[in-house]
Amino acid sequence: MKKFITNKYILYILGIIAIFLLWWLLSLIINEPIAIFPDPIRTIAYSFIILGKGYFYQSLGFSLLKLLVGFAIAFALAIFFGTIAGNSLSFHKFFAPIMTVLKAIPTVAVVFLFLVLLKANNLPILTVILLVFPILYEATSNGIRNIDNDIIEAMKLDCHSIIRGNLQVKLPLAMPYILVGVASSFALSIKIEIMAEALSGFTGYGLGVAIRYAQENNPGNMVPVFAYSFLAIAIMLIISLGANLIKNALKKRL
């Protein structure tokens, strides 16, 4: 019995069940028409209707594409600057205030600032970059700075090129730290990307755009909004679960 109670998978499933029960209770307590705060059954039923529409898959594809573009740019920048910071303590201290500012800026403020300065369709990509870059930068610099000193000394004797030493020795050794950073930030970036789409309000495809359109087309009927949000959450949970499994496996190697 104790083993059953402490099993992490059982607890995870029980946690999901608790969420649905709380959701159902809230829909009863609010006691509004079902269109205002729909219960789980109606939301899930409408979700299956959405899954039968090509628009959902187009929106999902565009959201994932913008996410991957932003994530790839952030990854490249983080590897470049993180490698410099990992090798140079002076650069790391110089860059520290910039990282503090980037992490402290409210995401909503950044979204509205970019909305004024740039095209709305580029907003989700830039928001993902600002979110992911500090996480991967610190993961890269920490990974390099935690390499054993004996390995560093041996590398100096065998490899006379700084670039080659970083590419062939330091970055591969720091990769477990970097991958933990990737796993930690990827699922979070999906949430931010969808939020940026919803706030930008540009005409096109994306899960955030679909949620915004569902609300604007019929403000009195929240079932489509809940259904699109439910599907977005389900996708994020699946990715988060996979990312956590990868992150836990990598942490055992550190």
Protein backbone atom coordinates (compact mmCIF):
# COMPACT_ATOMS: atom_id res chain seq x y z
CA MET A 1 0.00 0.00 0.00
CA LYS A 2 2.82 2.40 0.91
CA LYS A 3 4.58 1.66 -2.37
CA PHE A 4 1.36 2.43 -4.24
CA ILE A 5 0.96 5.76 -2.44
CA THR A 6 4.56 6.86 -3.06
CA ASN A 7 4.69 5.79 -6.72
CA LYS A 8 5.39 9.00 -8.67
CA TYR A 9 3.35 7.94 -11.69
CA ILE A 10 0.32 7.14 -9.53
CA LEU A 11 0.69 10.48 -7.77
CA TYR A 12 0.96 12.29 -11.12
CA ILE A 13 -2.28 10.66 -12.32
CA LEU A 14 -4.01 11.47 -9.01
CA GLY A 15 -2.88 15.07 -9.40
CA ILE A 16 -4.50 15.27 -12.84
CA ILE A 17 -7.72 13.77 -11.46
CA ALA A 18 -7.69 16.36 -8.65
CA ILE A 19 -7.43 19.16 -11.21
CA PHE A 20 -10.46 17.89 -13.10
CA LEU A 21 -12.45 17.52 -9.87
CA LEU A 22 -11.56 21.06 -8.80
CA TRP A 23 -12.50 22.34 -12.26
CA TRP A 24 -15.86 20.57 -12.08
CA LEU A 25 -16.54 21.89 -8.57
CA LEU A 26 -15.71 25.46 -9.62
CA SER A 27 -18.15 25.20 -12.52
CA LEU A 28 -20.86 24.20 -10.01
CA ILE A 29 -19.95 26.83 -7.39
CA ILE A 30 -19.87 29.70 -9.87
CA ASN A 31 -23.34 28.58 -10.92
CA GLU A 32 -23.24 30.63 -14.11
CA PRO A 33 -24.46 29.46 -17.51
CA ILE A 34 -22.21 26.73 -18.82
CA ALA A 35 -21.00 29.04 -21.61
CA ILE A 36 -19.35 31.36 -19.06
CA PHE A 37 -17.45 28.74 -17.06
CA PRO A 38 -17.87 25.41 -18.89
CA ASP A 39 -17.37 22.15 -17.06
CA PRO A 40 -14.70 19.60 -18.10
CA ILE A 41 -17.15 17.35 -19.98
CA ARG A 42 -18.34 20.09 -22.35
CA THR A 43 -14.82 21.41 -22.77
CA ILE A 44 -13.39 18.01 -23.66
CA ALA A 45 -16.32 17.28 -25.98
CA TYR A 46 -15.68 20.52 -27.88
CA SER A 47 -11.97 19.72 -27.93
CA PHE A 48 -12.71 16.64 -30.01
CA ILE A 49 -14.62 18.86 -32.45
CA ILE A 50 -11.57 21.13 -32.72
CA LEU A 51 -9.32 18.11 -33.29
CA GLY A 52 -11.38 17.32 -36.37
CA LYS A 53 -10.65 20.71 -37.95
CA GLY A 54 -7.63 21.43 -40.13
CA TYR A 55 -7.36 24.94 -38.64
CA PHE A 56 -6.19 23.48 -35.31
CA TYR A 57 -3.30 21.60 -36.90
CA GLN A 58 -2.31 24.65 -38.96
CA SER A 59 -2.34 26.74 -35.80
CA LEU A 60 -0.34 24.13 -33.89
CA GLY A 61 2.19 23.88 -36.71
CA PHE A 62 2.70 27.64 -36.91
CA SER A 63 3.05 27.93 -33.13
CA LEU A 64 5.65 25.16 -33.03
CA LEU A 65 7.50 26.67 -36.00
CA LYS A 66 7.75 30.10 -34.35
CA LEU A 67 8.77 28.40 -31.12
CA LEU A 68 11.56 26.42 -32.80
CA VAL A 69 12.86 29.47 -34.69
CA GLY A 70 13.03 31.54 -31.50
CA PHE A 71 14.51 28.66 -29.53
CA ALA A 72 17.19 27.99 -32.18
CA ILE A 73 18.25 31.65 -32.23
CA ALA A 74 18.35 31.79 -28.43
CA PHE A 75 20.34 28.54 -28.32
CA ALA A 76 22.95 29.83 -30.79
CA LEU A 77 23.35 33.14 -28.92
CA ALA A 78 23.54 31.37 -25.56
CA ILE A 79 26.22 28.95 -26.76
CA PHE A 80 28.30 31.83 -28.14
CA PHE A 81 28.09 34.19 -25.16
CA GLY A 82 27.92 31.37 -22.59
CA THR A 83 31.16 29.90 -23.91
CA ILE A 84 32.89 33.27 -23.59
CA ALA A 85 31.53 33.71 -20.06
CA GLY A 86 32.58 30.20 -19.10
CA ASN A 87 36.14 30.90 -20.17
CA SER A 88 36.39 34.48 -18.93
CA LEU A 89 35.39 35.41 -15.38
CA SER A 90 35.68 39.11 -16.29
CA PHE A 91 33.18 38.74 -19.13
CA HIS A 92 30.89 36.73 -16.86
CA LYS A 93 30.85 39.54 -14.27
CA PHE A 94 30.41 42.17 -17.00
CA PHE A 95 27.45 40.29 -18.48
CA ALA A 96 25.82 39.53 -15.10
CA PRO A 97 23.81 42.81 -14.86
CA ILE A 98 22.47 42.26 -18.37
CA MET A 99 21.30 38.78 -17.43
CA THR A 100 19.68 40.14 -14.26
CA VAL A 101 17.75 42.72 -16.27
CA LEU A 102 16.65 40.18 -18.88
CA LYS A 103 15.36 37.82 -16.18
CA ALA A 104 13.67 40.60 -14.20
CA ILE A 105 11.75 42.26 -17.05
CA PRO A 106 8.05 41.29 -16.89
CA THR A 107 7.16 39.25 -19.96
CA VAL A 108 3.94 41.19 -20.53
CA ALA A 109 5.87 44.48 -20.61
CA VAL A 110 8.24 43.03 -23.21
CA VAL A 111 5.31 41.83 -25.31
CA PHE A 112 3.70 45.28 -25.40
CA LEU A 113 7.05 46.99 -26.08
CA PHE A 114 7.77 44.73 -29.04
CA LEU A 115 4.18 45.17 -30.22
CA VAL A 116 4.82 48.91 -30.58
CA LEU A 117 8.31 48.65 -32.08
CA LEU A 118 8.05 45.62 -34.35
CA LYS A 119 5.68 43.65 -36.53
CA ALA A 120 3.21 41.58 -34.56
CA ASN A 121 4.03 38.33 -36.38
CA ASN A 122 7.63 38.51 -35.12
CA LEU A 123 6.56 39.10 -31.53
CA PRO A 124 6.28 35.42 -30.41
CA ILE A 125 9.74 34.61 -31.77
CA LEU A 126 11.40 37.53 -29.98
CA THR A 127 9.55 36.77 -26.74
CA VAL A 128 10.84 33.18 -26.82
CA ILE A 129 14.39 34.43 -27.42
CA LEU A 130 14.26 36.76 -24.42
CA LEU A 131 12.89 34.01 -22.19
CA VAL A 132 15.20 31.18 -23.28
CA PHE A 133 18.49 33.03 -23.78
CA PRO A 134 19.27 33.74 -20.07
CA ILE A 135 18.50 30.14 -19.07
CA LEU A 136 20.69 28.56 -21.74
CA TYR A 137 23.42 31.19 -21.28
CA GLU A 138 23.78 30.32 -17.59
CA ALA A 139 23.61 26.58 -18.34
CA THR A 140 26.44 26.90 -20.88
CA SER A 141 28.68 29.11 -18.74
CA ASN A 142 28.13 26.96 -15.63
CA GLY A 143 28.81 23.78 -17.57
CA ILE A 144 32.14 25.09 -18.85
CA ARG A 145 33.20 26.50 -15.48
CA ASN A 146 32.48 23.16 -13.80
CA ILE A 147 34.84 21.19 -16.03
CA ASP A 148 37.60 19.52 -14.03
CA ASN A 149 40.83 21.56 -13.93
CA ASP A 150 42.93 18.52 -14.87
CA ILE A 151 40.99 18.24 -18.12
CA ILE A 152 41.51 21.95 -18.80
CA GLU A 153 45.27 21.64 -18.26
CA ALA A 154 45.47 18.59 -20.50
CA MET A 155 43.51 20.42 -23.18
CA LYS A 156 45.97 23.33 -23.09
CA LEU A 157 48.83 20.95 -23.80
CA ASP A 158 47.11 18.99 -26.56
CA CYS A 159 45.03 21.70 -28.23
CA HIS A 160 46.64 25.03 -29.14
CA SER A 161 43.51 26.49 -30.78
CA ILE A 162 41.03 28.13 -28.39
CA ILE A 163 38.13 27.66 -30.79
CA ARG A 164 38.98 24.02 -31.41
CA GLY A 165 39.38 23.38 -27.67
CA ASN A 166 35.95 24.80 -26.94
CA LEU A 167 34.23 22.96 -29.78
CA GLN A 168 35.90 19.59 -29.29
CA VAL A 169 36.42 19.46 -25.52
CA LYS A 170 34.62 22.04 -23.40
CA LEU A 171 31.22 22.19 -25.08
CA PRO A 172 30.83 18.38 -25.29
CA LEU A 173 31.70 18.13 -21.58
CA ALA A 174 29.28 20.96 -20.75
CA MET A 175 26.51 19.44 -22.88
CA PRO A 176 24.70 17.69 -19.96
CA TYR A 177 24.30 21.11 -18.27
CA ILE A 178 23.14 22.67 -21.54
CA LEU A 179 20.62 19.91 -22.19
CA VAL A 180 19.19 20.32 -18.68
CA GLY A 181 18.72 24.01 -19.52
CA VAL A 182 17.03 23.08 -22.79
CA ALA A 183 14.68 20.65 -21.02
CA SER A 184 13.89 23.26 -18.33
CA SER A 185 13.11 26.10 -20.74
CA PHE A 186 11.43 24.40 -23.69
CA ALA A 187 8.03 23.69 -22.12
CA LEU A 188 8.00 27.14 -20.48
CA SER A 189 8.73 28.79 -23.82
CA ILE A 190 5.62 27.18 -25.33
CA LYS A 191 3.44 28.91 -22.74
CA ILE A 192 5.12 32.26 -23.38
CA GLU A 193 4.86 31.86 -27.15
CA ILE A 194 1.11 31.17 -26.99
CA MET A 195 0.61 34.14 -24.66
CA ALA A 196 2.52 36.41 -27.05
CA GLU A 197 0.33 35.25 -29.95
CA ALA A 198 -2.85 35.94 -28.00
CA LEU A 199 -1.70 39.42 -26.93
CA SER A 200 -0.34 40.44 -30.33
CA GLY A 201 -3.70 39.90 -32.05
CA PHE A 202 -2.19 39.61 -35.52
CA THR A 203 -4.22 37.84 -38.18
CA GLY A 204 -2.79 34.44 -38.99
CA TYR A 205 -2.32 31.02 -37.47
CA GLY A 206 -1.25 29.98 -33.98
CA LEU A 207 -2.78 28.50 -30.84
CA GLY A 208 -2.75 31.89 -29.14
CA VAL A 209 -4.42 33.46 -32.17
CA ALA A 210 -7.07 30.70 -32.14
CA ILE A 211 -7.81 31.39 -28.45
CA ARG A 212 -8.10 35.13 -29.11
CA TYR A 213 -10.39 34.63 -32.12
CA ALA A 214 -12.60 32.22 -30.15
CA GLN A 215 -13.06 34.87 -27.47
CA GLU A 216 -13.62 37.78 -29.86
CA ASN A 217 -16.05 35.96 -32.14
CA ASN A 218 -18.42 35.02 -29.31
CA PRO A 219 -17.51 36.68 -25.97
CA GLY A 220 -20.50 35.10 -24.25
CA ASN A 221 -19.49 31.54 -25.11
CA MET A 222 -16.30 30.47 -23.36
CA VAL A 223 -16.49 26.81 -24.40
CA PRO A 224 -14.22 27.27 -27.49
CA VAL A 225 -11.75 29.32 -25.43
CA PHE A 226 -11.61 26.64 -22.74
CA ALA A 227 -11.31 23.91 -25.37
CA TYR A 228 -8.39 25.54 -27.21
CA SER A 229 -6.74 26.29 -23.86
CA PHE A 230 -7.29 22.69 -22.74
CA LEU A 231 -5.60 21.36 -25.89
CA ALA A 232 -2.71 23.80 -25.46
CA ILE A 233 -2.28 22.72 -21.83
CA ALA A 234 -2.42 19.04 -22.83
CA ILE A 235 0.36 19.61 -25.39
CA MET A 236 2.46 21.49 -22.82
CA LEU A 237 1.94 18.72 -20.24
CA ILE A 238 3.10 16.06 -22.69
CA ILE A 239 6.18 18.08 -23.62
CA SER A 240 6.86 18.96 -19.97
CA LEU A 241 6.64 15.31 -18.96
CA GLY A 242 9.09 14.32 -21.68
CA ALA A 243 11.40 17.22 -20.81
CA ASN A 244 11.37 16.29 -17.11
CA LEU A 245 12.24 12.68 -17.90
CA ILE A 246 15.18 13.87 -20.01
CA LYS A 247 16.24 16.41 -17.38
CA ASN A 248 16.17 13.85 -14.55
CA ALA A 249 18.19 11.39 -16.63
CA LEU A 250 20.78 14.06 -17.40
CA LYS A 251 21.02 15.24 -13.78
CA LYS A 252 22.04 11.73 -12.75
CA ARG A 253 25.05 12.07 -15.04
CA LEU A 254 26.20 15.39 -13.59
